[in-house]
């Protein structure tokens, strides 16, 4: 990327832009305002003010209606318009151009220090972002480990679930819909989670083998895989 270097007078340029915006806005807004506020008399007042100003070389007198308008807040409006113009200009600058303006009065060494500081802050923020993601992933993994290993460490939770599903019959035959085994595994779910490595259907596998498959299902789908009994047993 080609960097556009801004002269050291950039800060004065901002001030000049603001002043120029005020002057330009005033040149456009004030005559129109005088026409709106003063009717026919105000129209005549503008040339009168111009005549009065041209007749003297030492003083400049504002038209009374213009002065009154400024006292009522017109000057604040002009300042707001100038600020809006400068803001729009600043927004149009690239990050490099803004850096050049902010460091225009610094020595090359000071500019290098400022650049290094900004780069370091960016690296810190990026690192913090990825550290946060890593922490979230670790917490999720730990929670999953606690859920699955805690439930199978003492197979009682699976025994209770089997008691609810089939009266504790781990060899329960296939029923309508294709469910079998102590935890009522559907044959498609059984196959998708490696059950066929033990038996064609869950009813032909041992309690421990069924629990192994159940752990995989729990890790992937949660207790919702056993919707009725998991709620009844307070598992979710």
C-alpha atoms as a PDB file:
ATOM      1  CA  UNK A   1       0.000   0.000   0.000  1.00  0.00           C
ATOM      2  CA  UNK A   2       1.334   3.473  -0.869  1.00  0.00           C
ATOM      3  CA  UNK A   3       1.345   5.797   2.120  1.00  0.00           C
ATOM      4  CA  UNK A   4       0.278   9.378   1.551  1.00  0.00           C
ATOM      5  CA  UNK A   5       2.473  11.639   3.690  1.00  0.00           C
ATOM      6  CA  UNK A   6       0.756  14.607   5.276  1.00  0.00           C
ATOM      7  CA  UNK A   7       2.808  17.781   5.870  1.00  0.00           C
ATOM      8  CA  UNK A   8       3.661  18.900   9.364  1.00  0.00           C
ATOM      9  CA  UNK A   9       1.113  21.719   8.991  1.00  0.00           C
ATOM     10  CA  UNK A  10      -1.713  19.152   8.912  1.00  0.00           C
ATOM     11  CA  UNK A  11      -3.134  20.330  12.218  1.00  0.00           C
ATOM     12  CA  UNK A  12      -3.292  23.837  10.896  1.00  0.00           C
ATOM     13  CA  UNK A  13      -5.020  22.421   7.834  1.00  0.00           C
ATOM     14  CA  UNK A  14      -7.789  20.992  10.034  1.00  0.00           C
ATOM     15  CA  UNK A  15      -8.253  24.423  11.588  1.00  0.00           C
ATOM     16  CA  UNK A  16      -8.240  26.075   8.163  1.00  0.00           C
ATOM     17  CA  UNK A  17     -10.824  23.614   6.862  1.00  0.00           C
ATOM     18  CA  UNK A  18     -13.051  24.379   9.829  1.00  0.00           C
ATOM     19  CA  UNK A  19     -12.700  28.129   9.372  1.00  0.00           C
ATOM     20  CA  UNK A  20     -13.279  27.804   5.653  1.00  0.00           C
ATOM     21  CA  UNK A  21     -16.392  25.730   6.264  1.00  0.00           C
ATOM     22  CA  UNK A  22     -17.726  28.377   8.613  1.00  0.00           C
ATOM     23  CA  UNK A  23     -17.036  31.140   6.102  1.00  0.00           C
ATOM     24  CA  UNK A  24     -18.590  29.227   3.224  1.00  0.00           C
ATOM     25  CA  UNK A  25     -21.650  28.281   5.236  1.00  0.00           C
ATOM     26  CA  UNK A  26     -22.075  31.837   6.414  1.00  0.00           C
ATOM     27  CA  UNK A  27     -21.839  33.176   2.865  1.00  0.00           C
ATOM     28  CA  UNK A  28     -24.639  30.868   1.792  1.00  0.00           C
ATOM     29  CA  UNK A  29     -26.816  30.799   4.889  1.00  0.00           C
ATOM     30  CA  UNK A  30     -26.855  34.358   6.175  1.00  0.00           C
ATOM     31  CA  UNK A  31     -28.403  36.131   3.155  1.00  0.00           C
ATOM     32  CA  UNK A  32     -31.056  33.437   2.865  1.00  0.00           C
ATOM     33  CA  UNK A  33     -31.776  33.693   6.555  1.00  0.00           C
ATOM     34  CA  UNK A  34     -32.128  37.464   6.368  1.00  0.00           C
ATOM     35  CA  UNK A  35     -34.677  37.119   3.582  1.00  0.00           C
ATOM     36  CA  UNK A  36     -36.683  34.573   5.544  1.00  0.00           C
ATOM     37  CA  UNK A  37     -36.561  36.403   8.863  1.00  0.00           C
ATOM     38  CA  UNK A  38     -36.996  40.010   7.847  1.00  0.00           C
ATOM     39  CA  UNK A  39     -39.324  40.036   4.881  1.00  0.00           C
ATOM     40  CA  UNK A  40     -38.945  42.998   2.536  1.00  0.00           C
ATOM     41  CA  UNK A  41     -37.170  45.096   5.118  1.00  0.00           C
ATOM     42  CA  UNK A  42     -34.493  42.398   5.561  1.00  0.00           C
ATOM     43  CA  UNK A  43     -33.863  42.337   1.814  1.00  0.00           C
ATOM     44  CA  UNK A  44     -33.105  46.039   1.917  1.00  0.00           C
ATOM     45  CA  UNK A  45     -30.956  45.626   5.007  1.00  0.00           C
ATOM     46  CA  UNK A  46     -28.343  43.475   3.315  1.00  0.00           C
ATOM     47  CA  UNK A  47     -27.307  46.082   0.707  1.00  0.00           C
ATOM     48  CA  UNK A  48     -27.402  48.697   3.431  1.00  0.00           C
ATOM     49  CA  UNK A  49     -24.907  46.702   5.470  1.00  0.00           C
ATOM     50  CA  UNK A  50     -22.698  46.262   2.427  1.00  0.00           C
ATOM     51  CA  UNK A  51     -22.829  50.007   1.760  1.00  0.00           C
ATOM     52  CA  UNK A  52     -21.971  50.814   5.354  1.00  0.00           C
ATOM     53  CA  UNK A  53     -19.041  48.415   5.259  1.00  0.00           C
ATOM     54  CA  UNK A  54     -17.678  49.828   1.991  1.00  0.00           C
ATOM     55  CA  UNK A  55     -17.849  53.401   3.278  1.00  0.00           C
ATOM     56  CA  UNK A  56     -15.282  52.825   6.008  1.00  0.00           C
ATOM     57  CA  UNK A  57     -11.836  51.322   6.042  1.00  0.00           C
ATOM     58  CA  UNK A  58     -11.373  51.069   9.815  1.00  0.00           C
ATOM     59  CA  UNK A  59     -14.439  49.227  11.151  1.00  0.00           C
ATOM     60  CA  UNK A  60     -16.878  46.560  10.023  1.00  0.00           C
ATOM     61  CA  UNK A  61     -20.417  46.549  11.429  1.00  0.00           C
ATOM     62  CA  UNK A  62     -22.708  43.545  11.275  1.00  0.00           C
ATOM     63  CA  UNK A  63     -26.248  44.049  10.095  1.00  0.00           C
ATOM     64  CA  UNK A  64     -28.450  44.220  13.245  1.00  0.00           C
ATOM     65  CA  UNK A  65     -30.613  41.310  12.067  1.00  0.00           C
ATOM     66  CA  UNK A  66     -27.540  39.200  11.351  1.00  0.00           C
ATOM     67  CA  UNK A  67     -26.108  40.067  14.753  1.00  0.00           C
ATOM     68  CA  UNK A  68     -29.397  39.167  16.371  1.00  0.00           C
ATOM     69  CA  UNK A  69     -29.452  35.851  14.579  1.00  0.00           C
ATOM     70  CA  UNK A  70     -25.938  35.070  15.769  1.00  0.00           C
ATOM     71  CA  UNK A  71     -26.934  35.942  19.342  1.00  0.00           C
ATOM     72  CA  UNK A  72     -29.884  33.567  19.076  1.00  0.00           C
ATOM     73  CA  UNK A  73     -27.629  30.626  18.290  1.00  0.00           C
ATOM     74  CA  UNK A  74     -26.725  31.065  14.644  1.00  0.00           C
ATOM     75  CA  UNK A  75     -23.036  30.990  15.456  1.00  0.00           C
ATOM     76  CA  UNK A  76     -23.458  27.620  17.168  1.00  0.00           C
ATOM     77  CA  UNK A  77     -25.200  26.328  14.044  1.00  0.00           C
ATOM     78  CA  UNK A  78     -22.302  27.497  11.892  1.00  0.00           C
ATOM     79  CA  UNK A  79     -19.808  25.808  14.185  1.00  0.00           C
ATOM     80  CA  UNK A  80     -21.825  22.597  14.027  1.00  0.00           C
ATOM     81  CA  UNK A  81     -21.781  22.690  10.223  1.00  0.00           C
ATOM     82  CA  UNK A  82     -18.035  23.270  10.211  1.00  0.00           C
ATOM     83  CA  UNK A  83     -17.516  20.380  12.637  1.00  0.00           C
ATOM     84  CA  UNK A  84     -19.657  18.115  10.449  1.00  0.00           C
ATOM     85  CA  UNK A  85     -17.504  19.018   7.463  1.00  0.00           C
ATOM     86  CA  UNK A  86     -14.265  18.286   9.283  1.00  0.00           C
ATOM     87  CA  UNK A  87     -15.675  15.020  10.665  1.00  0.00           C
ATOM     88  CA  UNK A  88     -16.645  13.923   7.175  1.00  0.00           C
ATOM     89  CA  UNK A  89     -13.127  14.690   5.984  1.00  0.00           C
ATOM     90  CA  UNK A  90     -11.537  12.755   8.840  1.00  0.00           C
ATOM     91  CA  UNK A  91     -13.795   9.764   8.130  1.00  0.00           C
ATOM     92  CA  UNK A  92     -12.558   9.750   4.534  1.00  0.00           C
ATOM     93  CA  UNK A  93      -8.930   9.303   5.615  1.00  0.00           C
ATOM     94  CA  UNK A  94      -7.178   5.946   5.614  1.00  0.00           C
ATOM     95  CA  UNK A  95      -5.621   4.695   8.875  1.00  0.00           C
ATOM     96  CA  UNK A  96      -2.175   5.571   7.494  1.00  0.00           C
ATOM     97  CA  UNK A  97      -3.248   9.124   6.694  1.00  0.00           C
ATOM     98  CA  UNK A  98      -4.702   9.570  10.185  1.00  0.00           C
ATOM     99  CA  UNK A  99      -1.472   8.268  11.693  1.00  0.00           C
ATOM    100  CA  UNK A 100       0.526  10.745   9.601  1.00  0.00           C
ATOM    101  CA  UNK A 101      -1.636  13.645  10.777  1.00  0.00           C
ATOM    102  CA  UNK A 102      -1.497  12.672  14.442  1.00  0.00           C
ATOM    103  CA  UNK A 103       2.285  12.253  14.334  1.00  0.00           C
ATOM    104  CA  UNK A 104       3.078  15.160  11.996  1.00  0.00           C
ATOM    105  CA  UNK A 105       4.976  17.074  14.692  1.00  0.00           C
ATOM    106  CA  UNK A 106       6.995  14.082  15.908  1.00  0.00           C
ATOM    107  CA  UNK A 107      10.548  13.216  15.020  1.00  0.00           C
ATOM    108  CA  UNK A 108      11.162  10.075  12.921  1.00  0.00           C
ATOM    109  CA  UNK A 109      12.249   8.230  16.071  1.00  0.00           C
ATOM    110  CA  UNK A 110       9.094   9.254  17.915  1.00  0.00           C
ATOM    111  CA  UNK A 111       6.964   8.188  14.948  1.00  0.00           C
ATOM    112  CA  UNK A 112       8.642   4.758  14.984  1.00  0.00           C
ATOM    113  CA  UNK A 113       7.897   4.444  18.701  1.00  0.00           C
ATOM    114  CA  UNK A 114       4.267   5.406  18.151  1.00  0.00           C
ATOM    115  CA  UNK A 115       3.936   2.889  15.319  1.00  0.00           C
ATOM    116  CA  UNK A 116       5.478   0.121  17.411  1.00  0.00           C
ATOM    117  CA  UNK A 117       3.100   0.911  20.268  1.00  0.00           C
ATOM    118  CA  UNK A 118       0.030   0.735  18.019  1.00  0.00           C
ATOM    119  CA  UNK A 119       1.231  -2.512  16.441  1.00  0.00           C
ATOM    120  CA  UNK A 120       1.785  -4.023  19.885  1.00  0.00           C
ATOM    121  CA  UNK A 121      -1.704  -3.028  21.034  1.00  0.00           C
ATOM    122  CA  UNK A 122      -3.175  -4.694  17.982  1.00  0.00           C
ATOM    123  CA  UNK A 123      -1.204  -7.876  18.678  1.00  0.00           C
ATOM    124  CA  UNK A 124      -2.363  -7.846  22.300  1.00  0.00           C
ATOM    125  CA  UNK A 125      -5.997  -7.524  21.272  1.00  0.00           C
ATOM    126  CA  UNK A 126      -5.731 -10.305  18.692  1.00  0.00           C
ATOM    127  CA  UNK A 127      -3.995 -12.582  21.190  1.00  0.00           C
ATOM    128  CA  UNK A 128      -6.650 -11.841  23.823  1.00  0.00           C
ATOM    129  CA  UNK A 129      -9.359 -12.719  21.317  1.00  0.00           C
ATOM    130  CA  UNK A 130      -7.844 -16.112  20.501  1.00  0.00           C
ATOM    131  CA  UNK A 131      -7.062 -16.778  24.165  1.00  0.00           C
ATOM    132  CA  UNK A 132     -10.737 -16.214  24.885  1.00  0.00           C
ATOM    133  CA  UNK A 133     -11.761 -18.697  22.193  1.00  0.00           C
ATOM    134  CA  UNK A 134      -9.324 -21.264  23.552  1.00  0.00           C
ATOM    135  CA  UNK A 135     -10.676 -20.798  27.078  1.00  0.00           C
ATOM    136  CA  UNK A 136     -14.249 -21.269  25.874  1.00  0.00           C
ATOM    137  CA  UNK A 137     -13.295 -24.429  23.987  1.00  0.00           C
ATOM    138  CA  UNK A 138     -11.479 -25.818  27.046  1.00  0.00           C
ATOM    139  CA  UNK A 139     -14.455 -25.065  29.286  1.00  0.00           C
ATOM    140  CA  UNK A 140     -16.856 -26.750  26.857  1.00  0.00           C
ATOM    141  CA  UNK A 141     -14.615 -29.802  26.614  1.00  0.00           C
ATOM    142  CA  UNK A 142     -14.309 -30.019  30.390  1.00  0.00           C
ATOM    143  CA  UNK A 143     -18.071 -29.746  30.801  1.00  0.00           C
ATOM    144  CA  UNK A 144     -18.613 -32.473  28.211  1.00  0.00           C
ATOM    145  CA  UNK A 145     -16.067 -34.705  29.926  1.00  0.00           C
ATOM    146  CA  UNK A 146     -17.722 -34.213  33.293  1.00  0.00           C
ATOM    147  CA  UNK A 147     -21.127 -34.993  31.809  1.00  0.00           C
ATOM    148  CA  UNK A 148     -20.131 -38.180  30.029  1.00  0.00           C
ATOM    149  CA  UNK A 149     -17.486 -39.638  32.317  1.00  0.00           C
ATOM    150  CA  UNK A 150     -19.421 -38.709  35.427  1.00  0.00           C
ATOM    151  CA  UNK A 151     -22.490 -40.476  34.202  1.00  0.00           C
ATOM    152  CA  UNK A 152     -20.687 -43.671  33.215  1.00  0.00           C
ATOM    153  CA  UNK A 153     -18.261 -43.818  36.145  1.00  0.00           C
ATOM    154  CA  UNK A 154     -20.994 -45.378  38.185  1.00  0.00           C
ATOM    155  CA  UNK A 155     -23.303 -46.976  35.647  1.00  0.00           C
ATOM    156  CA  UNK A 156     -26.232 -46.315  37.978  1.00  0.00           C
ATOM    157  CA  UNK A 157     -27.524 -43.474  35.805  1.00  0.00           C
ATOM    158  CA  UNK A 158     -27.728 -45.832  32.843  1.00  0.00           C
ATOM    159  CA  UNK A 159     -29.314 -48.502  34.991  1.00  0.00           C
ATOM    160  CA  UNK A 160     -31.908 -45.993  36.120  1.00  0.00           C
ATOM    161  CA  UNK A 161     -32.508 -44.934  32.525  1.00  0.00           C
ATOM    162  CA  UNK A 162     -32.805 -48.579  31.431  1.00  0.00           C
ATOM    163  CA  UNK A 163     -35.220 -49.185  34.302  1.00  0.00           C
ATOM    164  CA  UNK A 164     -37.376 -46.355  33.000  1.00  0.00           C
ATOM    165  CA  UNK A 165     -37.136 -47.383  29.338  1.00  0.00           C
ATOM    166  CA  UNK A 166     -37.471 -51.162  29.536  1.00  0.00           C
ATOM    167  CA  UNK A 167     -37.808 -52.136  33.181  1.00  0.00           C
ATOM    168  CA  UNK A 168     -34.053 -52.732  33.288  1.00  0.00           C
ATOM    169  CA  UNK A 169     -34.056 -55.405  30.587  1.00  0.00           C
ATOM    170  CA  UNK A 170     -30.805 -54.908  28.689  1.00  0.00           C
ATOM    171  CA  UNK A 171     -31.751 -57.726  26.289  1.00  0.00           C
ATOM    172  CA  UNK A 172     -35.132 -56.240  25.433  1.00  0.00           C
ATOM    173  CA  UNK A 173     -36.093 -57.465  21.937  1.00  0.00           C
ATOM    174  CA  UNK A 174     -36.885 -55.195  19.020  1.00  0.00           C
ATOM    175  CA  UNK A 175     -40.278 -53.528  19.245  1.00  0.00           C
ATOM    176  CA  UNK A 176     -42.404 -51.716  16.687  1.00  0.00           C
ATOM    177  CA  UNK A 177     -40.396 -48.887  15.140  1.00  0.00           C
ATOM    178  CA  UNK A 178     -37.068 -50.681  15.377  1.00  0.00           C
ATOM    179  CA  UNK A 179     -36.100 -50.007  19.025  1.00  0.00           C
ATOM    180  CA  UNK A 180     -34.314 -52.571  21.194  1.00  0.00           C
ATOM    181  CA  UNK A 181     -31.932 -53.059  24.093  1.00  0.00           C
ATOM    182  CA  UNK A 182     -32.065 -51.737  27.626  1.00  0.00           C
ATOM    183  CA  UNK A 183     -32.032 -48.096  26.516  1.00  0.00           C
ATOM    184  CA  UNK A 184     -34.295 -48.566  23.494  1.00  0.00           C
ATOM    185  CA  UNK A 185     -31.754 -47.824  20.785  1.00  0.00           C
ATOM    186  CA  UNK A 186     -33.224 -47.272  17.339  1.00  0.00           C
ATOM    187  CA  UNK A 187     -31.392 -49.537  14.907  1.00  0.00           C
ATOM    188  CA  UNK A 188     -30.249 -46.567  12.761  1.00  0.00           C
ATOM    189  CA  UNK A 189     -28.867 -44.732  15.820  1.00  0.00           C
ATOM    190  CA  UNK A 190     -27.214 -47.932  17.019  1.00  0.00           C
ATOM    191  CA  UNK A 191     -25.469 -48.414  13.673  1.00  0.00           C
ATOM    192  CA  UNK A 192     -24.495 -44.726  13.302  1.00  0.00           C
ATOM    193  CA  UNK A 193     -22.699 -44.807  16.654  1.00  0.00           C
ATOM    194  CA  UNK A 194     -20.681 -47.968  16.117  1.00  0.00           C
ATOM    195  CA  UNK A 195     -23.092 -50.450  17.669  1.00  0.00           C
ATOM    196  CA  UNK A 196     -22.676 -52.984  14.887  1.00  0.00           C
ATOM    197  CA  UNK A 197     -19.155 -53.595  16.135  1.00  0.00           C
ATOM    198  CA  UNK A 198     -20.832 -55.385  19.061  1.00  0.00           C
ATOM    199  CA  UNK A 199     -24.086 -56.793  17.656  1.00  0.00           C
ATOM    200  CA  UNK A 200     -26.582 -56.332  14.839  1.00  0.00           C
ATOM    201  CA  UNK A 201     -29.051 -54.756  17.278  1.00  0.00           C
ATOM    202  CA  UNK A 202     -28.685 -53.387  20.794  1.00  0.00           C
ATOM    203  CA  UNK A 203     -30.540 -56.352  22.306  1.00  0.00           C
ATOM    204  CA  UNK A 204     -27.679 -58.639  21.302  1.00  0.00           C
ATOM    205  CA  UNK A 205     -24.998 -56.498  23.024  1.00  0.00           C
ATOM    206  CA  UNK A 206     -23.938 -56.548  26.658  1.00  0.00           C
ATOM    207  CA  UNK A 207     -24.881 -53.886  29.166  1.00  0.00           C
ATOM    208  CA  UNK A 208     -21.360 -52.410  29.031  1.00  0.00           C
ATOM    209  CA  UNK A 209     -21.353 -52.324  25.224  1.00  0.00           C
ATOM    210  CA  UNK A 210     -24.723 -50.591  25.185  1.00  0.00           C
ATOM    211  CA  UNK A 211     -23.435 -48.034  27.698  1.00  0.00           C
ATOM    212  CA  UNK A 212     -20.407 -47.367  25.468  1.00  0.00           C
ATOM    213  CA  UNK A 213     -22.704 -46.585  22.529  1.00  0.00           C
ATOM    214  CA  UNK A 214     -24.966 -44.561  24.811  1.00  0.00           C
ATOM    215  CA  UNK A 215     -21.995 -42.411  25.860  1.00  0.00           C
ATOM    216  CA  UNK A 216     -21.315 -41.543  22.225  1.00  0.00           C
ATOM    217  CA  UNK A 217     -24.931 -40.594  21.682  1.00  0.00           C
ATOM    218  CA  UNK A 218     -24.927 -38.514  24.864  1.00  0.00           C
ATOM    219  CA  UNK A 219     -21.826 -36.606  23.741  1.00  0.00           C
ATOM    220  CA  UNK A 220     -23.397 -35.855  20.337  1.00  0.00           C
ATOM    221  CA  UNK A 221     -27.033 -35.246  21.224  1.00  0.00           C
ATOM    222  CA  UNK A 222     -27.314 -34.846  24.993  1.00  0.00           C
ATOM    223  CA  UNK A 223     -29.953 -36.388  27.215  1.00  0.00           C
ATOM    224  CA  UNK A 224     -32.605 -35.351  24.696  1.00  0.00           C
ATOM    225  CA  UNK A 225     -31.875 -38.616  22.891  1.00  0.00           C
ATOM    226  CA  UNK A 226     -34.052 -40.168  25.619  1.00  0.00           C
ATOM    227  CA  UNK A 227     -36.690 -37.429  25.819  1.00  0.00           C
ATOM    228  CA  UNK A 228     -39.281 -38.883  28.163  1.00  0.00           C
ATOM    229  CA  UNK A 229     -37.193 -40.755  30.707  1.00  0.00           C
ATOM    230  CA  UNK A 230     -34.383 -38.157  30.880  1.00  0.00           C
ATOM    231  CA  UNK A 231     -36.938 -35.560  32.001  1.00  0.00           C
ATOM    232  CA  UNK A 232     -38.593 -37.999  34.379  1.00  0.00           C
ATOM    233  CA  UNK A 233     -35.233 -38.763  35.988  1.00  0.00           C
ATOM    234  CA  UNK A 234     -34.244 -35.080  36.190  1.00  0.00           C
ATOM    235  CA  UNK A 235     -31.318 -35.429  33.800  1.00  0.00           C
ATOM    236  CA  UNK A 236     -32.327 -32.290  31.888  1.00  0.00           C
END
